[in-house]
Amino acid sequence: MRSLLKLIFPDFCLNCRVATESYGLCAECFKQIDFIGDNACLKCGIEFATKDNFEKICAACIKEPAAFDSHISCVAYKSVIAKIIIDYKYHDQQIFHQFLVNLLIQKVRLFKNDFELISPIPMHWRKLFSRDFNQSDYLAKSLANSESKQFCRALVKSKNTAPQMTLGLKERQKNLKGAIEFNQQQDIKGKSILLIDDVYTTGSTLNECAKILKKNGATKVLCLTIARTLKN
């Protein structure tokens, strides 16, 4: 029966489309993924160059602490992963959805269940209309279902801003000012929240969201992203 199904629906690599033994990525594409290990900063998630960082907090985070309590990223934003995220995000390639969710599932366990709500980074309605879906929303909802956690949209995007990835650090911070607001229909007082986004670049978006959530009663804000850029 399985042989017949494979003739009709053959397993193939999600990236290069060559035949594989299992649904996902072929060996050649999989080995191009740069997984981020556990030897990373507990605040921003950047990997340390050496393994003797006893404090587990990088110099940048000690100098200027982020509003969020911790951030974990699954993989480096490059090569195969960058292509998959772009295709998923901008070209509506939903075939990549479960693969990306699985990456989040593997890493979310590091938070040791220390959160009650899962919320996505919001998207302005104009951008949502043009793109048809908010990738962070879809990913957060699937992760909440997987982990049996409550999904909520704790934030709303009230201002249609320029894409963060096109801006420098100072421009990013200015771009976000007044653009994100708390969703008054939600009650997060006394609760810990896990924020979900696709790519971590400078942390400006997550930091702004964490500030707003804590201002409205969240006790802890954790962040989980699929990938992070290699620049810090």
Protein backbone atom coordinates (compact mmCIF):
# COMPACT_ATOMS: atom_id res chain seq x y z
CA MET A 1 0.00 0.00 0.00
CA ARG A 2 2.80 2.42 0.94
CA SER A 3 4.59 1.69 -2.35
CA LEU A 4 1.42 2.53 -4.27
CA LEU A 5 1.00 5.79 -2.32
CA LYS A 6 4.59 6.76 -3.01
CA LEU A 7 4.01 6.30 -6.75
CA ILE A 8 1.02 8.67 -6.57
CA PHE A 9 2.43 11.06 -3.94
CA PRO A 10 6.23 10.58 -4.03
CA ASP A 11 8.29 11.93 -1.13
CA PHE A 12 10.48 14.82 -2.23
CA CYS A 13 12.80 17.45 -0.83
CA LEU A 14 10.90 20.61 0.04
CA ASN A 15 13.77 22.72 -1.23
CA CYS A 16 15.29 21.12 -4.33
CA ARG A 17 12.45 18.67 -5.09
CA VAL A 18 14.66 15.59 -5.51
CA ALA A 19 13.18 12.29 -4.30
CA THR A 20 13.85 11.48 -0.64
CA GLU A 21 13.11 8.60 1.71
CA SER A 22 11.13 10.84 4.04
CA TYR A 23 9.09 14.02 3.73
CA GLY A 24 11.24 17.07 4.50
CA LEU A 25 14.68 17.93 3.14
CA CYS A 26 17.14 15.72 1.31
CA ALA A 27 20.52 15.02 2.90
CA GLU A 28 22.32 17.59 0.72
CA CYS A 29 19.94 20.40 1.62
CA PHE A 30 19.70 19.40 5.28
CA LYS A 31 23.46 19.58 5.81
CA GLN A 32 23.40 23.22 4.62
CA ILE A 33 21.37 24.18 7.70
CA ASP A 34 23.44 25.81 10.43
CA PHE A 35 21.68 24.82 13.67
CA ILE A 36 22.25 27.11 16.65
CA GLY A 37 23.56 25.16 19.62
CA ASP A 38 22.95 25.53 23.35
CA ASN A 39 26.15 27.57 23.86
CA ALA A 40 24.32 30.84 23.23
CA CYS A 41 23.43 34.03 25.08
CA LEU A 42 20.35 33.50 27.25
CA LYS A 43 19.05 36.96 26.35
CA CYS A 44 19.55 37.49 22.61
CA GLY A 45 20.40 33.94 21.54
CA ILE A 46 23.66 34.65 19.71
CA GLU A 47 26.18 31.79 19.84
CA PHE A 48 29.40 32.32 21.75
CA ALA A 49 32.72 31.80 19.97
CA THR A 50 34.07 29.77 22.90
CA LYS A 51 32.51 27.44 25.45
CA ASP A 52 33.76 29.14 28.63
CA ASN A 53 31.02 31.75 28.95
CA PHE A 54 29.90 30.95 32.47
CA GLU A 55 27.51 33.89 32.75
CA LYS A 56 25.75 32.87 29.54
CA ILE A 57 25.00 36.54 28.79
CA CYS A 58 26.84 38.29 25.96
CA ALA A 59 28.59 41.65 26.40
CA ALA A 60 26.01 43.51 24.30
CA CYS A 61 23.13 42.29 26.49
CA ILE A 62 25.00 43.14 29.69
CA LYS A 63 25.66 46.66 28.38
CA GLU A 64 22.12 47.22 27.09
CA PRO A 65 19.63 44.63 28.47
CA ALA A 66 16.62 43.84 26.30
CA ALA A 67 13.05 44.18 27.57
CA PHE A 68 12.39 40.50 26.84
CA ASP A 69 13.66 37.92 29.32
CA SER A 70 15.11 35.42 26.89
CA HIS A 71 15.37 34.65 23.18
CA ILE A 72 16.09 31.40 21.38
CA SER A 73 16.55 31.00 17.64
CA CYS A 74 16.60 27.64 15.86
CA VAL A 75 18.98 28.14 12.93
CA ALA A 76 21.14 30.71 11.15
CA TYR A 77 19.36 32.78 8.51
CA LYS A 78 21.25 31.76 5.38
CA SER A 79 21.26 29.43 2.35
CA VAL A 80 18.44 26.87 2.37
CA ILE A 81 16.63 28.27 5.40
CA ALA A 82 16.65 31.82 4.05
CA LYS A 83 15.16 30.58 0.78
CA ILE A 84 12.50 28.52 2.56
CA ILE A 85 11.46 31.42 4.80
CA ILE A 86 11.29 33.85 1.86
CA ASP A 87 9.20 31.41 -0.20
CA TYR A 88 6.90 30.73 2.75
CA LYS A 89 6.58 34.36 3.76
CA TYR A 90 6.34 36.18 0.45
CA HIS A 91 5.30 33.54 -2.08
CA ASP A 92 2.68 31.75 0.04
CA GLN A 93 4.47 28.40 -0.15
CA GLN A 94 2.47 26.70 2.60
CA ILE A 95 4.23 23.42 1.88
CA PHE A 96 7.02 24.68 4.18
CA HIS A 97 4.72 25.38 7.13
CA GLN A 98 5.01 22.12 9.06
CA PHE A 99 8.76 21.92 8.49
CA LEU A 100 9.19 25.36 10.09
CA VAL A 101 6.80 24.50 12.93
CA ASN A 102 8.87 21.38 13.63
CA LEU A 103 11.97 23.54 14.06
CA LEU A 104 10.12 25.62 16.66
CA ILE A 105 8.84 22.51 18.44
CA GLN A 106 12.38 21.18 18.86
CA LYS A 107 13.60 24.43 20.46
CA VAL A 108 10.57 25.45 22.54
CA ARG A 109 11.35 22.67 25.02
CA LEU A 110 14.41 24.67 26.15
CA PHE A 111 12.03 27.13 27.81
CA LYS A 112 10.96 24.27 30.12
CA ASN A 113 7.27 25.12 29.86
CA ASP A 114 7.88 28.48 31.53
CA PHE A 115 5.09 30.32 29.69
CA GLU A 116 1.30 30.33 29.60
CA LEU A 117 0.39 32.13 26.39
CA ILE A 118 1.78 32.04 22.84
CA SER A 119 1.40 35.19 20.74
CA PRO A 120 2.67 36.21 17.29
CA ILE A 121 4.33 39.41 16.18
CA PRO A 122 1.45 41.41 14.64
CA MET A 123 1.07 42.54 11.03
CA HIS A 124 -0.69 45.67 9.79
CA TRP A 125 -3.97 45.00 7.99
CA ARG A 126 -2.72 46.53 4.73
CA LYS A 127 0.26 44.19 4.62
CA LEU A 128 -1.97 41.29 5.67
CA PHE A 129 -4.34 42.10 2.81
CA SER A 130 -1.54 42.13 0.24
CA ARG A 131 0.18 39.00 1.57
CA ASP A 132 -2.95 37.00 2.53
CA PHE A 133 -1.49 35.69 5.81
CA ASN A 134 0.74 36.57 8.75
CA GLN A 135 3.44 33.90 8.90
CA SER A 136 4.13 34.56 12.59
CA ASP A 137 0.43 34.14 13.36
CA TYR A 138 0.25 30.78 11.57
CA LEU A 139 3.42 29.51 13.21
CA ALA A 140 2.34 30.63 16.70
CA LYS A 141 -1.07 29.02 16.34
CA SER A 142 0.40 25.69 15.22
CA LEU A 143 2.96 25.74 18.03
CA ALA A 144 0.24 26.51 20.59
CA ASN A 145 -1.75 23.51 19.37
CA SER A 146 1.33 21.29 19.53
CA GLU A 147 2.25 22.39 23.05
CA SER A 148 -1.35 22.57 24.36
CA LYS A 149 -0.93 26.26 25.19
CA GLN A 150 -3.37 29.14 24.85
CA PHE A 151 -2.94 31.14 21.64
CA CYS A 152 -3.68 34.85 21.75
CA ARG A 153 -3.08 37.93 19.63
CA ALA A 154 -1.78 40.15 22.42
CA LEU A 155 -0.56 42.88 20.07
CA VAL A 156 -1.84 44.80 17.05
CA LYS A 157 0.06 46.70 14.37
CA SER A 158 -1.58 50.12 14.13
CA LYS A 159 0.89 51.69 11.71
CA ASN A 160 2.00 50.30 8.34
CA THR A 161 5.78 50.57 8.56
CA ALA A 162 8.65 49.90 6.17
CA PRO A 163 10.09 46.35 6.34
CA GLN A 164 12.54 46.14 9.25
CA MET A 165 15.11 44.16 7.26
CA THR A 166 15.65 47.13 4.93
CA LEU A 167 16.65 49.47 7.78
CA GLY A 168 19.60 50.09 10.08
CA LEU A 169 19.39 49.73 13.87
CA LYS A 170 18.46 53.36 14.65
CA GLU A 171 16.03 53.46 11.72
CA ARG A 172 14.40 50.26 12.97
CA GLN A 173 13.80 51.74 16.39
CA LYS A 174 12.34 54.93 14.91
CA ASN A 175 10.28 52.90 12.44
CA LEU A 176 8.58 50.98 15.27
CA LYS A 177 7.77 53.97 17.46
CA GLY A 178 3.99 54.01 17.98
CA ALA A 179 3.49 51.29 15.37
CA ILE A 180 2.61 48.45 17.75
CA GLU A 181 -0.07 48.57 20.44
CA PHE A 182 -1.50 46.27 23.06
CA ASN A 183 -4.69 44.44 22.10
CA GLN A 184 -7.14 45.72 24.72
CA GLN A 185 -9.37 42.68 24.19
CA GLN A 186 -6.73 40.47 25.81
CA ASP A 187 -6.00 39.96 29.51
CA ILE A 188 -2.33 39.17 30.13
CA LYS A 189 -1.93 40.50 33.67
CA GLY A 190 0.25 38.22 35.77
CA LYS A 191 0.96 35.89 32.83
CA SER A 192 4.11 34.86 30.99
CA ILE A 193 4.10 35.07 27.19
CA LEU A 194 6.06 33.39 24.42
CA LEU A 195 6.41 35.65 21.36
CA ILE A 196 6.86 34.03 17.96
CA ASP A 197 8.53 35.57 14.90
CA ASP A 198 10.29 34.22 11.84
CA VAL A 199 13.63 36.07 11.73
CA TYR A 200 15.69 37.81 14.43
CA THR A 201 18.01 40.51 13.10
CA THR A 202 18.67 43.17 15.76
CA GLY A 203 15.86 42.29 18.17
CA SER A 204 14.24 45.74 17.82
CA THR A 205 10.77 44.36 17.05
CA LEU A 206 10.80 41.79 19.84
CA ASN A 207 12.17 44.36 22.26
CA GLU A 208 9.41 46.86 21.46
CA CYS A 209 6.76 44.15 21.79
CA ALA A 210 8.18 43.02 25.13
CA LYS A 211 8.07 46.58 26.48
CA ILE A 212 4.40 46.91 25.55
CA LEU A 213 3.46 43.51 27.00
CA LYS A 214 5.20 44.17 30.31
CA LYS A 215 3.65 47.63 30.51
CA ASN A 216 0.27 45.90 30.26
CA GLY A 217 0.89 43.35 32.98
CA ALA A 218 2.94 40.47 31.54
CA THR A 219 5.32 39.08 34.13
CA LYS A 220 7.72 37.50 31.65
CA VAL A 221 8.26 37.69 27.88
CA LEU A 222 10.16 34.91 26.13
CA CYS A 223 10.94 34.98 22.41
CA LEU A 224 11.34 32.16 19.90
CA THR A 225 12.32 32.68 16.26
CA ILE A 226 13.05 30.28 13.43
CA ALA A 227 16.26 31.96 12.31
CA ARG A 228 18.63 34.75 13.20
CA THR A 229 20.97 36.71 10.98
CA LEU A 230 24.67 36.14 11.49
CA LYS A 231 25.34 39.82 12.17
CA ASN A 232 25.12 41.04 15.76
